[in-house]
Amino acid sequence: MKRRTKIIATIGPASSSVTVLTRMIKAGMNVARLNFSHGDYKEHAILMRHIRQASKKAGQPVAILQDLQGPKIRLGVLPVEGVNIKKGEIVKFQTGIEHYKTGGALPVTYDNLHKDVKTGERLFLDDGLIETEITAIRGKVISAKVKNGGHLSSHKGINVPDSKISTSSFTEKDHEDLLFGLENEVDWVALSFVTTPAVVMKVRDIIRAKCRALKTVAPRIVVKIERQEAVERFLDILNVADGVMIARGDLGVSLRPEEVPVIQKEFVEICRQTGKPVIVATHMLQSMTDNPRATRAEVSDVANAVIDHTDATMLSGESATGKYPDVSVQTMAAVIDEAEASRLDDISFYQIHDVGDIPTAIAQTLHVMVENGQIDLIASSSTYHAVADAVNIFRPNVPIILACPNQAVARQMLLRAGIYSVVLPDDPGTFIHRMETFLRKEKWIKKGSRVAYLISTPSGEIQLIIR
């Protein structure tokens, strides 16, 4: 059986060529993430073109995930060699400047930082690796005492977990970037630092209006869980989103690091039960940025996410700027394969929760049949994606093939664990014949295979046919 858990890889300088992208796709990359915290529109347009060329060359579909920056606070431009700061020294940060000058303050991209922070609050840099405490604020200059030192380079992130940031989580830059993404037909959009459902609904309205004008398929929305407020309002935010990314880097700074593993497990399970895709992200194979082999702890991290039933695992710096982007994908795929082969990731019948609707009732029936070895594959017409979603809640050990009306919808399905897609017309009279022809051609089934087909009757009801 093909790998169920999907792989997202961030694309950057190390993986921007068609050659490397093709290797990554063949190694198992399903979704290419473009981080709009970096690069300009020209660079992103080139990356999108290269991704699509590589997808065609590899003969495998790849979705594009546009990750919007949000109100991410970053350092400005530092010298090429970077800046070292030591424990105990006082370091200065200044808003309103872009470049660092020797002996001066470190530039900060967020203009209101000096207004939003207070003395005594913590200021972290580089995903929490460097910790400082604010000692004074004079005008636009923030002074802070270094508690844990380290090396800084341009555009490293800044986190202020004790402060309330006054700017919206959907910035003007995000709006402009989103319109660019929609014009280039991205498949998914990730919203950063979401804290309320309102911002998700606002972005969805923008997407719908723009895509109606463009006559294109609207991308789906992933919310990134990165702040304490998002954790507290998780169910409300999940209710209006299409998917979730557990962004452990910023989340591990906003919260105590030891809280993150439990929150990850809880949120992955909630997403599974509600049928919404969830991504586990950040530092999954971090050491492979510089080394050709992952650490044992990293391998365990990926495997545990799979056993917890995440829909996708994600590579960040490993594939964007690392030395081994395609090897990182290969490693992640190998770990996923091994974890999925174990019975530890199976869901027992007693874990199934009956929500009382027809899709769930059919899904439960199919789950029992899969467990009893009575069917080898589930195929659904585009009319009944909701049923397929309900089936996928139980993570069956057989593939689920969805017929989709077009390539854009088919690519969106690439983020769902265990779901594979094909473009087929939604004609009840010919669906089974067309689907069976596809399944045999692509070697999904062989002689003797039993397939459960979900199709619509002339009256619009769900029909389950097994043959």
Foldseek 3Di string as FASTA:
>chain_A
DDFQFAEEEEAAPQQQALVNLLLQVVLGHAEYEYEPLDDDLVSVVSSVVSNVVSCVVNVHHHAYEYEYDFPWKWWAAEDPVFDWDAAFDKAKEFEPDHYDDVPDHTYMDDRCPLVFDDFQFWKAWQLRQWIWGFHDRDPRMTITGTHHIDTDGHTITMDGLVTDDPDDRCDPSNLVVVLSCVVVQGAEYEGEPDQALVVLVVVVVVQVVSCVVVVGDGHFYEYEPQAPSCLVCVVRNVVSGQEYEDALSNNCVNDPVVVSVVSLLVVQLVCLLVLHAYEYEDPLQVVLLEDLDGDPVSLVSLLVNVLSPHNYYYHYSNQHRGPCNSSVSNSSSVSSVVSVVDCSSAADLVNHDDPPDDLLVVLSVVQVCLVVVNAAEEEEEQLVVVSVSNNCSRVRPHAYEYADQDVSVQSSCSSGGRYHYDHDDQDQVCVVVVVVVVCVVVVSDDPPGKYWYWHADPVGDTDTDID
